[in-house]
PDB file of all heavy atoms in Angstrom:
ATOM      1  N   ILE A   1      97.206 105.821  86.547  1.00  0.00           N
ATOM      2  CA  ILE A   1      98.041 104.808  87.195  1.00  0.00           C
ATOM      3  C   ILE A   1      97.895 103.480  86.426  1.00  0.00           C
ATOM      4  O   ILE A   1      98.865 102.815  86.135  1.00  0.00           O
ATOM      5  CB  ILE A   1      97.739 104.738  88.667  1.00  0.00           C
ATOM      6  CG1 ILE A   1      97.845 106.072  89.428  1.00  0.00           C
ATOM      7  CG2 ILE A   1      98.643 103.647  89.305  1.00  0.00           C
ATOM      8  CD1 ILE A   1      97.435 106.022  90.808  1.00  0.00           C
ATOM      9  N   MET A   2      96.619 103.119  86.286  1.00  0.00           N
ATOM     10  CA  MET A   2      96.262 101.816  85.610  1.00  0.00           C
ATOM     11  C   MET A   2      96.921 101.778  84.188  1.00  0.00           C
ATOM     12  O   MET A   2      97.493 100.815  83.772  1.00  0.00           O
ATOM     13  CB  MET A   2      94.752 101.622  85.501  1.00  0.00           C
ATOM     14  CG  MET A   2      94.382 100.269  84.931  1.00  0.00           C
ATOM     15  SD  MET A   2      92.561 100.009  84.924  1.00  0.00           S
ATOM     16  CE  MET A   2      92.278  99.548  86.603  1.00  0.00           C
ATOM     17  N   ASN A   3      96.820 102.895  83.514  1.00  0.00           N
ATOM     18  CA  ASN A   3      97.405 102.976  82.114  1.00  0.00           C
ATOM     19  C   ASN A   3      98.948 102.938  82.220  1.00  0.00           C
ATOM     20  O   ASN A   3      99.611 102.340  81.320  1.00  0.00           O
ATOM     21  CB  ASN A   3      96.816 104.201  81.339  1.00  0.00           C
ATOM     22  CG  ASN A   3      95.410 104.047  81.021  1.00  0.00           C
ATOM     23  OD1 ASN A   3      94.752 102.946  81.086  1.00  0.00           O
ATOM     24  ND2 ASN A   3      94.730 105.120  80.653  1.00  0.00           N
ATOM     25  N   GLY A   4      99.519 103.710  83.129  1.00  0.00           N
ATOM     26  CA  GLY A   4     100.857 103.723  83.336  1.00  0.00           C
ATOM     27  C   GLY A   4     101.438 102.342  83.600  1.00  0.00           C
ATOM     28  O   GLY A   4     102.515 101.939  83.094  1.00  0.00           O
ATOM     29  N   TYR A   5     100.769 101.607  84.429  1.00  0.00           N
ATOM     30  CA  TYR A   5     101.160 100.197  84.723  1.00  0.00           C
ATOM     31  C   TYR A   5     101.217  99.357  83.404  1.00  0.00           C
ATOM     32  O   TYR A   5     102.128  98.597  83.215  1.00  0.00           O
ATOM     33  CB  TYR A   5     100.153  99.679  85.685  1.00  0.00           C
ATOM     34  CG  TYR A   5     100.589  98.582  86.605  1.00  0.00           C
ATOM     35  CD1 TYR A   5     101.065  98.806  87.945  1.00  0.00           C
ATOM     36  CD2 TYR A   5     100.571  97.196  86.206  1.00  0.00           C
ATOM     37  CE1 TYR A   5     101.506  97.839  88.759  1.00  0.00           C
ATOM     38  CE2 TYR A   5     100.921  96.182  87.107  1.00  0.00           C
ATOM     39  CZ  TYR A   5     101.405  96.470  88.350  1.00  0.00           C
ATOM     40  OH  TYR A   5     101.818  95.511  89.236  1.00  0.00           O
ATOM     41  N   GLU A   6     100.158  99.497  82.604  1.00  0.00           N
ATOM     42  CA  GLU A   6     100.139  98.737  81.359  1.00  0.00           C
ATOM     43  C   GLU A   6     101.318  99.195  80.381  1.00  0.00           C
ATOM     44  O   GLU A   6     101.944  98.343  79.876  1.00  0.00           O
ATOM     45  CB  GLU A   6      98.799  99.014  80.705  1.00  0.00           C
ATOM     46  CG  GLU A   6      98.719  98.216  79.336  1.00  0.00           C
ATOM     47  CD  GLU A   6      97.395  98.524  78.559  1.00  0.00           C
ATOM     48  OE1 GLU A   6      96.727  99.469  78.885  1.00  0.00           O
ATOM     49  OE2 GLU A   6      97.097  97.619  77.675  1.00  0.00           O
ATOM     50  N   ASP A   7     101.464 100.474  80.335  1.00  0.00           N
ATOM     51  CA  ASP A   7     102.544 100.970  79.443  1.00  0.00           C
ATOM     52  C   ASP A   7     103.927 100.426  79.854  1.00  0.00           C
ATOM     53  O   ASP A   7     104.795 100.012  79.059  1.00  0.00           O
ATOM     54  CB  ASP A   7     102.637 102.516  79.418  1.00  0.00           C
ATOM     55  CG  ASP A   7     101.341 103.061  78.718  1.00  0.00           C
ATOM     56  OD1 ASP A   7     100.728 102.339  78.015  1.00  0.00           O
ATOM     57  OD2 ASP A   7     101.035 104.295  78.969  1.00  0.00           O
ATOM     58  N   GLY A   8     104.175 100.434  81.202  1.00  0.00           N
ATOM     59  CA  GLY A   8     105.436  99.948  81.668  1.00  0.00           C
ATOM     60  C   GLY A   8     105.624  98.420  81.470  1.00  0.00           C
ATOM     61  O   GLY A   8     106.710  97.963  81.088  1.00  0.00           O
ATOM     62  N   ALA A   9     104.533  97.716  81.678  1.00  0.00           N
ATOM     63  CA  ALA A   9     104.553  96.283  81.450  1.00  0.00           C
ATOM     64  C   ALA A   9     104.826  95.973  80.055  1.00  0.00           C
ATOM     65  O   ALA A   9     105.654  95.019  79.733  1.00  0.00           O
ATOM     66  CB  ALA A   9     103.171  95.654  81.900  1.00  0.00           C
ATOM     67  N   LYS A  10     104.249  96.771  79.145  1.00  0.00           N
ATOM     68  CA  LYS A  10     104.405  96.400  77.663  1.00  0.00           C
ATOM     69  C   LYS A  10     105.812  96.864  77.183  1.00  0.00           C
ATOM     70  O   LYS A  10     106.231  96.483  76.100  1.00  0.00           O
ATOM     71  CB  LYS A  10     103.309  97.023  76.863  1.00  0.00           C
ATOM     72  CG  LYS A  10     102.042  96.282  77.147  1.00  0.00           C
ATOM     73  CD  LYS A  10     100.859  96.758  76.224  1.00  0.00           C
ATOM     74  CE  LYS A  10      99.696  95.744  76.392  1.00  0.00           C
ATOM     75  NZ  LYS A  10      98.560  96.287  75.575  1.00  0.00           N
ATOM     76  N   GLU A  11     106.507  97.665  77.925  1.00  0.00           N
ATOM     77  CA  GLU A  11     107.903  98.025  77.524  1.00  0.00           C
ATOM     78  C   GLU A  11     108.772  96.771  77.724  1.00  0.00           C
ATOM     79  O   GLU A  11     109.587  96.487  76.939  1.00  0.00           O
ATOM     80  CB  GLU A  11     108.471  99.153  78.336  1.00  0.00           C
ATOM     81  CG  GLU A  11     109.893  99.472  77.959  1.00  0.00           C
ATOM     82  CD  GLU A  11     110.562 100.603  78.612  1.00  0.00           C
ATOM     83  OE1 GLU A  11     109.738 101.621  78.889  1.00  0.00           O
ATOM     84  OE2 GLU A  11     111.778 100.617  78.909  1.00  0.00           O
ATOM     85  N   VAL A  12     108.448  96.015  78.733  1.00  0.00           N
ATOM     86  CA  VAL A  12     109.164  94.853  79.082  1.00  0.00           C
ATOM     87  C   VAL A  12     108.751  93.580  78.256  1.00  0.00           C
ATOM     88  O   VAL A  12     109.539  92.812  77.761  1.00  0.00           O
ATOM     89  CB  VAL A  12     109.080  94.473  80.601  1.00  0.00           C
ATOM     90  CG1 VAL A  12     109.771  93.150  80.985  1.00  0.00           C
ATOM     91  CG2 VAL A  12     109.781  95.629  81.372  1.00  0.00           C
ATOM     92  N   ASN A  13     107.464  93.504  78.121  1.00  0.00           N
ATOM     93  CA  ASN A  13     106.796  92.398  77.362  1.00  0.00           C
ATOM     94  C   ASN A  13     105.652  92.889  76.555  1.00  0.00           C
ATOM     95  O   ASN A  13     104.469  93.059  77.092  1.00  0.00           O
ATOM     96  CB  ASN A  13     106.320  91.287  78.362  1.00  0.00           C
ATOM     97  CG  ASN A  13     105.629  90.188  77.568  1.00  0.00           C
ATOM     98  OD1 ASN A  13     105.566  90.075  76.462  1.00  0.00           O
ATOM     99  ND2 ASN A  13     105.204  89.131  78.333  1.00  0.00           N
ATOM    100  N   PRO A  14     105.860  93.315  75.321  1.00  0.00           N
ATOM    101  CA  PRO A  14     104.773  93.799  74.418  1.00  0.00           C
ATOM    102  C   PRO A  14     103.527  92.936  74.260  1.00  0.00           C
ATOM    103  O   PRO A  14     102.483  93.349  74.029  1.00  0.00           O
ATOM    104  CB  PRO A  14     105.518  93.985  73.101  1.00  0.00           C
ATOM    105  CG  PRO A  14     106.886  94.080  73.393  1.00  0.00           C
ATOM    106  CD  PRO A  14     107.121  93.156  74.591  1.00  0.00           C
ATOM    107  N   ASP A  15     103.740  91.635  74.558  1.00  0.00           N
ATOM    108  CA  ASP A  15     102.603  90.667  74.410  1.00  0.00           C
ATOM    109  C   ASP A  15     101.956  90.230  75.632  1.00  0.00           C
ATOM    110  O   ASP A  15     101.084  89.424  75.684  1.00  0.00           O
ATOM    111  CB  ASP A  15     103.151  89.380  73.651  1.00  0.00           C
ATOM    112  CG  ASP A  15     103.679  89.701  72.330  1.00  0.00           C
ATOM    113  OD1 ASP A  15     103.157  90.491  71.548  1.00  0.00           O
ATOM    114  OD2 ASP A  15     104.736  89.112  71.910  1.00  0.00           O
ATOM    115  N   ILE A  16     102.247  90.987  76.752  1.00  0.00           N
ATOM    116  CA  ILE A  16     101.697  90.563  78.041  1.00  0.00           C
ATOM    117  C   ILE A  16     100.199  90.804  78.089  1.00  0.00           C
ATOM    118  O   ILE A  16      99.634  91.648  77.461  1.00  0.00           O
ATOM    119  CB  ILE A  16     102.274  91.441  79.189  1.00  0.00           C
ATOM    120  CG1 ILE A  16     102.069  90.763  80.517  1.00  0.00           C
ATOM    121  CG2 ILE A  16     101.722  92.912  79.192  1.00  0.00           C
ATOM    122  CD1 ILE A  16     103.078  91.199  81.554  1.00  0.00           C
ATOM    123  N   ASN A  17      99.509  89.811  78.728  1.00  0.00           N
ATOM    124  CA  ASN A  17      98.068  89.857  78.924  1.00  0.00           C
ATOM    125  C   ASN A  17      97.790  90.686  80.206  1.00  0.00           C
ATOM    126  O   ASN A  17      98.209  90.383  81.261  1.00  0.00           O
ATOM    127  CB  ASN A  17      97.453  88.513  79.032  1.00  0.00           C
ATOM    128  CG  ASN A  17      95.971  88.428  79.136  1.00  0.00           C
ATOM    129  OD1 ASN A  17      95.301  89.376  78.581  1.00  0.00           O
ATOM    130  ND2 ASN A  17      95.436  87.581  79.941  1.00  0.00           N
ATOM    131  N   TYR A  18      97.029  91.788  80.064  1.00  0.00           N
ATOM    132  CA  TYR A  18      96.851  92.715  81.163  1.00  0.00           C
ATOM    133  C   TYR A  18      95.270  92.785  81.480  1.00  0.00           C
ATOM    134  O   TYR A  18      94.501  93.256  80.763  1.00  0.00           O
ATOM    135  CB  TYR A  18      97.354  94.129  80.750  1.00  0.00           C
ATOM    136  CG  TYR A  18      97.299  95.161  81.872  1.00  0.00           C
ATOM    137  CD1 TYR A  18      97.959  95.059  83.036  1.00  0.00           C
ATOM    138  CD2 TYR A  18      96.644  96.396  81.588  1.00  0.00           C
ATOM    139  CE1 TYR A  18      97.885  96.059  84.045  1.00  0.00           C
ATOM    140  CE2 TYR A  18      96.600  97.376  82.508  1.00  0.00           C
ATOM    141  CZ  TYR A  18      97.217  97.169  83.775  1.00  0.00           C
ATOM    142  OH  TYR A  18      97.225  98.196  84.766  1.00  0.00           O
ATOM    143  N   GLN A  19      94.971  92.222  82.665  1.00  0.00           N
ATOM    144  CA  GLN A  19      93.630  92.147  83.077  1.00  0.00           C
ATOM    145  C   GLN A  19      93.336  93.335  84.017  1.00  0.00           C
ATOM    146  O   GLN A  19      94.164  93.607  84.866  1.00  0.00           O
ATOM    147  CB  GLN A  19      93.246  90.871  83.792  1.00  0.00           C
ATOM    148  CG  GLN A  19      93.531  89.591  82.988  1.00  0.00           C
ATOM    149  CD  GLN A  19      93.212  88.325  83.769  1.00  0.00           C
ATOM    150  OE1 GLN A  19      92.099  88.116  84.229  1.00  0.00           O
ATOM    151  NE2 GLN A  19      94.283  87.524  84.110  1.00  0.00           N
ATOM    152  N   THR A  20      92.210  94.005  83.939  1.00  0.00           N
ATOM    153  CA  THR A  20      91.884  95.151  84.842  1.00  0.00           C
ATOM    154  C   THR A  20      90.401  94.857  85.368  1.00  0.00           C
ATOM    155  O   THR A  20      89.563  94.261  84.798  1.00  0.00           O
ATOM    156  CB  THR A  20      92.025  96.329  84.111  1.00  0.00           C
ATOM    157  OG1 THR A  20      90.925  96.512  83.062  1.00  0.00           O
ATOM    158  CG2 THR A  20      93.292  96.607  83.539  1.00  0.00           C
ATOM    159  N   ALA A  21      90.202  95.525  86.531  1.00  0.00           N
ATOM    160  CA  ALA A  21      88.922  95.612  87.065  1.00  0.00           C
ATOM    161  C   ALA A  21      88.706  96.867  87.838  1.00  0.00           C
ATOM    162  O   ALA A  21      89.650  97.280  88.644  1.00  0.00           O
ATOM    163  CB  ALA A  21      88.676  94.335  87.993  1.00  0.00           C
ATOM    164  N   TRP A  22      87.546  97.523  87.738  1.00  0.00           N
ATOM    165  CA  TRP A  22      87.072  98.605  88.580  1.00  0.00           C
ATOM    166  C   TRP A  22      85.972  97.990  89.568  1.00  0.00           C
ATOM    167  O   TRP A  22      84.961  97.532  89.114  1.00  0.00           O
ATOM    168  CB  TRP A  22      86.554  99.781  87.851  1.00  0.00           C
ATOM    169  CG  TRP A  22      87.443 100.381  86.905  1.00  0.00           C
ATOM    170  CD1 TRP A  22      87.596 100.286  85.536  1.00  0.00           C
ATOM    171  CD2 TRP A  22      88.487 101.380  87.246  1.00  0.00           C
ATOM    172  NE1 TRP A  22      88.672 101.017  85.093  1.00  0.00           N
ATOM    173  CE2 TRP A  22      89.191 101.692  86.178  1.00  0.00           C
ATOM    174  CE3 TRP A  22      88.856 101.915  88.518  1.00  0.00           C
ATOM    175  CZ2 TRP A  22      90.252 102.639  86.167  1.00  0.00           C
ATOM    176  CZ3 TRP A  22      89.878 102.819  88.534  1.00  0.00           C
ATOM    177  CH2 TRP A  22      90.516 103.135  87.322  1.00  0.00           C
ATOM    178  N   THR A  23      86.261  98.020  90.866  1.00  0.00           N
ATOM    179  CA  THR A  23      85.277  97.375  91.845  1.00  0.00           C
ATOM    180  C   THR A  23      84.149  98.263  92.176  1.00  0.00           C
ATOM    181  O   THR A  23      83.152  97.826  92.612  1.00  0.00           O
ATOM    182  CB  THR A  23      86.114  97.043  93.110  1.00  0.00           C
ATOM    183  OG1 THR A  23      86.507  98.160  93.793  1.00  0.00           O
ATOM    184  CG2 THR A  23      87.198  96.170  92.763  1.00  0.00           C
ATOM    185  N   GLY A  24      84.305  99.636  92.015  1.00  0.00           N
ATOM    186  CA  GLY A  24      83.254 100.568  92.443  1.00  0.00           C
ATOM    187  C   GLY A  24      83.305 100.957  93.836  1.00  0.00           C
ATOM    188  O   GLY A  24      82.409 101.639  94.335  1.00  0.00           O
ATOM    189  N   SER A  25      84.369 100.574  94.562  1.00  0.00           N
ATOM    190  CA  SER A  25      84.412 100.927  96.062  1.00  0.00           C
ATOM    191  C   SER A  25      85.909 101.203  96.395  1.00  0.00           C
ATOM    192  O   SER A  25      86.815 100.525  95.939  1.00  0.00           O
ATOM    193  CB  SER A  25      83.894  99.774  96.892  1.00  0.00           C
ATOM    194  OG  SER A  25      84.135  99.999  98.210  1.00  0.00           O
ATOM    195  N   PHE A  26      86.110 102.221  97.276  1.00  0.00           N
ATOM    196  CA  PHE A  26      87.378 102.540  97.816  1.00  0.00           C
ATOM    197  C   PHE A  26      87.673 101.672  99.058  1.00  0.00           C
ATOM    198  O   PHE A  26      88.821 101.702  99.579  1.00  0.00           O
ATOM    199  CB  PHE A  26      87.486 104.043  98.235  1.00  0.00           C
ATOM    200  CG  PHE A  26      87.487 104.916  97.025  1.00  0.00           C
ATOM    201  CD1 PHE A  26      86.250 105.595  96.708  1.00  0.00           C
ATOM    202  CD2 PHE A  26      88.585 105.174  96.362  1.00  0.00           C
ATOM    203  CE1 PHE A  26      86.335 106.491  95.477  1.00  0.00           C
ATOM    204  CE2 PHE A  26      88.652 106.089  95.248  1.00  0.00           C
ATOM    205  CZ  PHE A  26      87.417 106.693  94.797  1.00  0.00           C
ATOM    206  N   THR A  27      86.659 101.114  99.643  1.00  0.00           N
ATOM    207  CA  THR A  27      86.840 100.504 101.038  1.00  0.00           C
ATOM    208  C   THR A  27      86.467  98.987 101.088  1.00  0.00           C
ATOM    209  O   THR A  27      86.808  98.328 102.072  1.00  0.00           O
ATOM    210  CB  THR A  27      85.958 101.246 102.035  1.00  0.00           C
ATOM    211  OG1 THR A  27      84.584 101.193 101.603  1.00  0.00           O
ATOM    212  CG2 THR A  27      86.513 102.705 102.163  1.00  0.00           C
ATOM    213  N   ASP A  28      85.773  98.415 100.135  1.00  0.00           N
ATOM    214  CA  ASP A  28      85.310  97.047 100.160  1.00  0.00           C
ATOM    215  C   ASP A  28      86.396  96.074  99.836  1.00  0.00           C
ATOM    216  O   ASP A  28      86.703  95.832  98.634  1.00  0.00           O
ATOM    217  CB  ASP A  28      84.089  96.815  99.208  1.00  0.00           C
ATOM    218  CG  ASP A  28      83.396  95.550  99.501  1.00  0.00           C
ATOM    219  OD1 ASP A  28      84.012  94.633  99.864  1.00  0.00           O
ATOM    220  OD2 ASP A  28      82.143  95.560  99.377  1.00  0.00           O
ATOM    221  N   THR A  29      87.105  95.544 100.740  1.00  0.00           N
ATOM    222  CA  THR A  29      88.324  94.698 100.587  1.00  0.00           C
ATOM    223  C   THR A  29      87.824  93.368 100.014  1.00  0.00           C
ATOM    224  O   THR A  29      88.541  92.788  99.237  1.00  0.00           O
ATOM    225  CB  THR A  29      89.063  94.424 101.873  1.00  0.00           C
ATOM    226  OG1 THR A  29      88.071  93.991 102.861  1.00  0.00           O
ATOM    227  CG2 THR A  29      89.639  95.711 102.448  1.00  0.00           C
ATOM    228  N   ALA A  30      86.609  92.924 100.391  1.00  0.00           N
ATOM    229  CA  ALA A  30      86.124  91.611  99.875  1.00  0.00           C
ATOM    230  C   ALA A  30      85.877  91.627  98.399  1.00  0.00           C
ATOM    231  O   ALA A  30      86.167  90.736  97.607  1.00  0.00           O
ATOM    232  CB  ALA A  30      84.878  91.223 100.584  1.00  0.00           C
ATOM    233  N   LEU A  31      85.448  92.796  97.950  1.00  0.00           N
ATOM    234  CA  LEU A  31      85.215  92.940  96.461  1.00  0.00           C
ATOM    235  C   LEU A  31      86.440  92.964  95.636  1.00  0.00           C
ATOM    236  O   LEU A  31      86.549  92.364  94.613  1.00  0.00           O
ATOM    237  CB  LEU A  31      84.411  94.266  96.252  1.00  0.00           C
ATOM    238  CG  LEU A  31      83.455  94.371  95.074  1.00  0.00           C
ATOM    239  CD1 LEU A  31      82.429  93.269  95.091  1.00  0.00           C
ATOM    240  CD2 LEU A  31      82.788  95.759  95.107  1.00  0.00           C
ATOM    241  N   ALA A  32      87.421  93.644  96.204  1.00  0.00           N
ATOM    242  CA  ALA A  32      88.756  93.755  95.568  1.00  0.00           C
ATOM    243  C   ALA A  32      89.458  92.315  95.619  1.00  0.00           C
ATOM    244  O   ALA A  32      90.069  91.882  94.592  1.00  0.00           O
ATOM    245  CB  ALA A  32      89.673  94.720  96.210  1.00  0.00           C
ATOM    246  N   LYS A  33      89.282  91.607  96.633  1.00  0.00           N
ATOM    247  CA  LYS A  33      89.859  90.258  96.710  1.00  0.00           C
ATOM    248  C   LYS A  33      89.161  89.361  95.696  1.00  0.00           C
ATOM    249  O   LYS A  33      89.846  88.538  95.091  1.00  0.00           O
ATOM    250  CB  LYS A  33      89.709  89.732  98.111  1.00  0.00           C
ATOM    251  CG  LYS A  33      90.460  88.343  98.363  1.00  0.00           C
ATOM    252  CD  LYS A  33      90.382  87.929  99.782  1.00  0.00           C
ATOM    253  CE  LYS A  33      91.208  86.675  99.953  1.00  0.00           C
ATOM    254  NZ  LYS A  33      91.349  86.185 101.409  1.00  0.00           N
ATOM    255  N   GLU A  34      87.871  89.471  95.502  1.00  0.00           N
ATOM    256  CA  GLU A  34      87.146  88.690  94.651  1.00  0.00           C
ATOM    257  C   GLU A  34      87.555  88.994  93.156  1.00  0.00           C
ATOM    258  O   GLU A  34      87.755  88.067  92.423  1.00  0.00           O
ATOM    259  CB  GLU A  34      85.605  88.998  94.732  1.00  0.00           C
ATOM    260  CG  GLU A  34      84.797  88.367  93.726  1.00  0.00           C
ATOM    261  CD  GLU A  34      83.269  88.794  93.757  1.00  0.00           C
ATOM    262  OE1 GLU A  34      82.841  89.280  94.887  1.00  0.00           O
ATOM    263  OE2 GLU A  34      82.629  88.711  92.780  1.00  0.00           O
ATOM    264  N   ALA A  35      87.827  90.237  92.884  1.00  0.00           N
ATOM    265  CA  ALA A  35      88.245  90.638  91.528  1.00  0.00           C
ATOM    266  C   ALA A  35      89.625  90.059  91.299  1.00  0.00           C
ATOM    267  O   ALA A  35      89.922  89.556  90.201  1.00  0.00           O
ATOM    268  CB  ALA A  35      88.251  92.188  91.447  1.00  0.00           C
ATOM    269  N   ALA A  36      90.508  90.193  92.240  1.00  0.00           N
ATOM    270  CA  ALA A  36      91.882  89.654  92.192  1.00  0.00           C
ATOM    271  C   ALA A  36      91.924  88.120  92.042  1.00  0.00           C
ATOM    272  O   ALA A  36      92.657  87.621  91.102  1.00  0.00           O
ATOM    273  CB  ALA A  36      92.788  90.013  93.260  1.00  0.00           C
ATOM    274  N   GLN A  37      91.047  87.424  92.669  1.00  0.00           N
ATOM    275  CA  GLN A  37      91.036  86.043  92.611  1.00  0.00           C
ATOM    276  C   GLN A  37      90.480  85.600  91.197  1.00  0.00           C
ATOM    277  O   GLN A  37      91.022  84.588  90.647  1.00  0.00           O
ATOM    278  CB  GLN A  37      90.054  85.439  93.677  1.00  0.00           C
ATOM    279  CG  GLN A  37      90.116  83.885  93.775  1.00  0.00           C
ATOM    280  CD  GLN A  37      91.449  83.432  94.167  1.00  0.00           C
ATOM    281  OE1 GLN A  37      92.071  83.820  95.123  1.00  0.00           O
ATOM    282  NE2 GLN A  37      91.971  82.458  93.303  1.00  0.00           N
ATOM    283  N   ALA A  38      89.582  86.339  90.693  1.00  0.00           N
ATOM    284  CA  ALA A  38      89.125  86.017  89.283  1.00  0.00           C
ATOM    285  C   ALA A  38      90.291  86.125  88.279  1.00  0.00           C
ATOM    286  O   ALA A  38      90.392  85.323  87.332  1.00  0.00           O
ATOM    287  CB  ALA A  38      88.030  86.895  88.888  1.00  0.00           C
ATOM    288  N   MET A  39      91.165  87.166  88.497  1.00  0.00           N
ATOM    289  CA  MET A  39      92.278  87.337  87.637  1.00  0.00           C
ATOM    290  C   MET A  39      93.259  86.218  87.852  1.00  0.00           C
ATOM    291  O   MET A  39      93.843  85.639  86.801  1.00  0.00           O
ATOM    292  CB  MET A  39      92.947  88.684  87.884  1.00  0.00           C
ATOM    293  CG  MET A  39      92.174  89.906  87.484  1.00  0.00           C
ATOM    294  SD  MET A  39      92.953  91.417  88.019  1.00  0.00           S
ATOM    295  CE  MET A  39      91.671  92.571  87.442  1.00  0.00           C
ATOM    296  N   ILE A  40      93.503  85.786  89.041  1.00  0.00           N
ATOM    297  CA  ILE A  40      94.366  84.689  89.340  1.00  0.00           C
ATOM    298  C   ILE A  40      93.928  83.377  88.721  1.00  0.00           C
ATOM    299  O   ILE A  40      94.744  82.600  88.129  1.00  0.00           O
ATOM    300  CB  ILE A  40      94.629  84.588  90.956  1.00  0.00           C
ATOM    301  CG1 ILE A  40      95.310  85.782  91.364  1.00  0.00           C
ATOM    302  CG2 ILE A  40      95.362  83.283  91.224  1.00  0.00           C
ATOM    303  CD1 ILE A  40      95.384  85.897  92.948  1.00  0.00           C
ATOM    304  N   ASP A  41      92.629  83.190  88.794  1.00  0.00           N
ATOM    305  CA  ASP A  41      91.995  81.982  88.225  1.00  0.00           C
ATOM    306  C   ASP A  41      92.145  81.958  86.737  1.00  0.00           C
ATOM    307  O   ASP A  41      92.202  80.938  86.049  1.00  0.00           O
ATOM    308  CB  ASP A  41      90.521  81.888  88.587  1.00  0.00           C
ATOM    309  CG  ASP A  41      90.297  81.660  90.048  1.00  0.00           C
ATOM    310  OD1 ASP A  41      91.228  81.214  90.759  1.00  0.00           O
ATOM    311  OD2 ASP A  41      89.168  81.886  90.608  1.00  0.00           O
ATOM    312  N   ASN A  42      92.344  83.205  86.204  1.00  0.00           N
ATOM    313  CA  ASN A  42      92.499  83.386  84.751  1.00  0.00           C
ATOM    314  C   ASN A  42      93.942  83.416  84.296  1.00  0.00           C
ATOM    315  O   ASN A  42      94.194  83.867  83.165  1.00  0.00           O
ATOM    316  CB  ASN A  42      91.683  84.573  84.257  1.00  0.00           C
ATOM    317  CG  ASN A  42      91.450  84.612  82.738  1.00  0.00           C
ATOM    318  OD1 ASN A  42      91.111  83.619  82.251  1.00  0.00           O
ATOM    319  ND2 ASN A  42      91.588  85.777  82.198  1.00  0.00           N
ATOM    320  N   GLY A  43      94.778  83.114  85.213  1.00  0.00           N
ATOM    321  CA  GLY A  43      96.211  82.948  84.847  1.00  0.00           C
ATOM    322  C   GLY A  43      97.100  84.059  85.325  1.00  0.00           C
ATOM    323  O   GLY A  43      98.442  83.978  85.133  1.00  0.00           O
TER     324      GLY A  43
END
């Protein structure tokens, strides 16, 4: 899914910056929010 997302994004914008994170948990919402916030802080 993660790779499919990247492939689709690059069809539209080949130069897009694609940030990813594996949090290590299926249920820890705080951890996922932290990861997303770091990406948002990075643009």
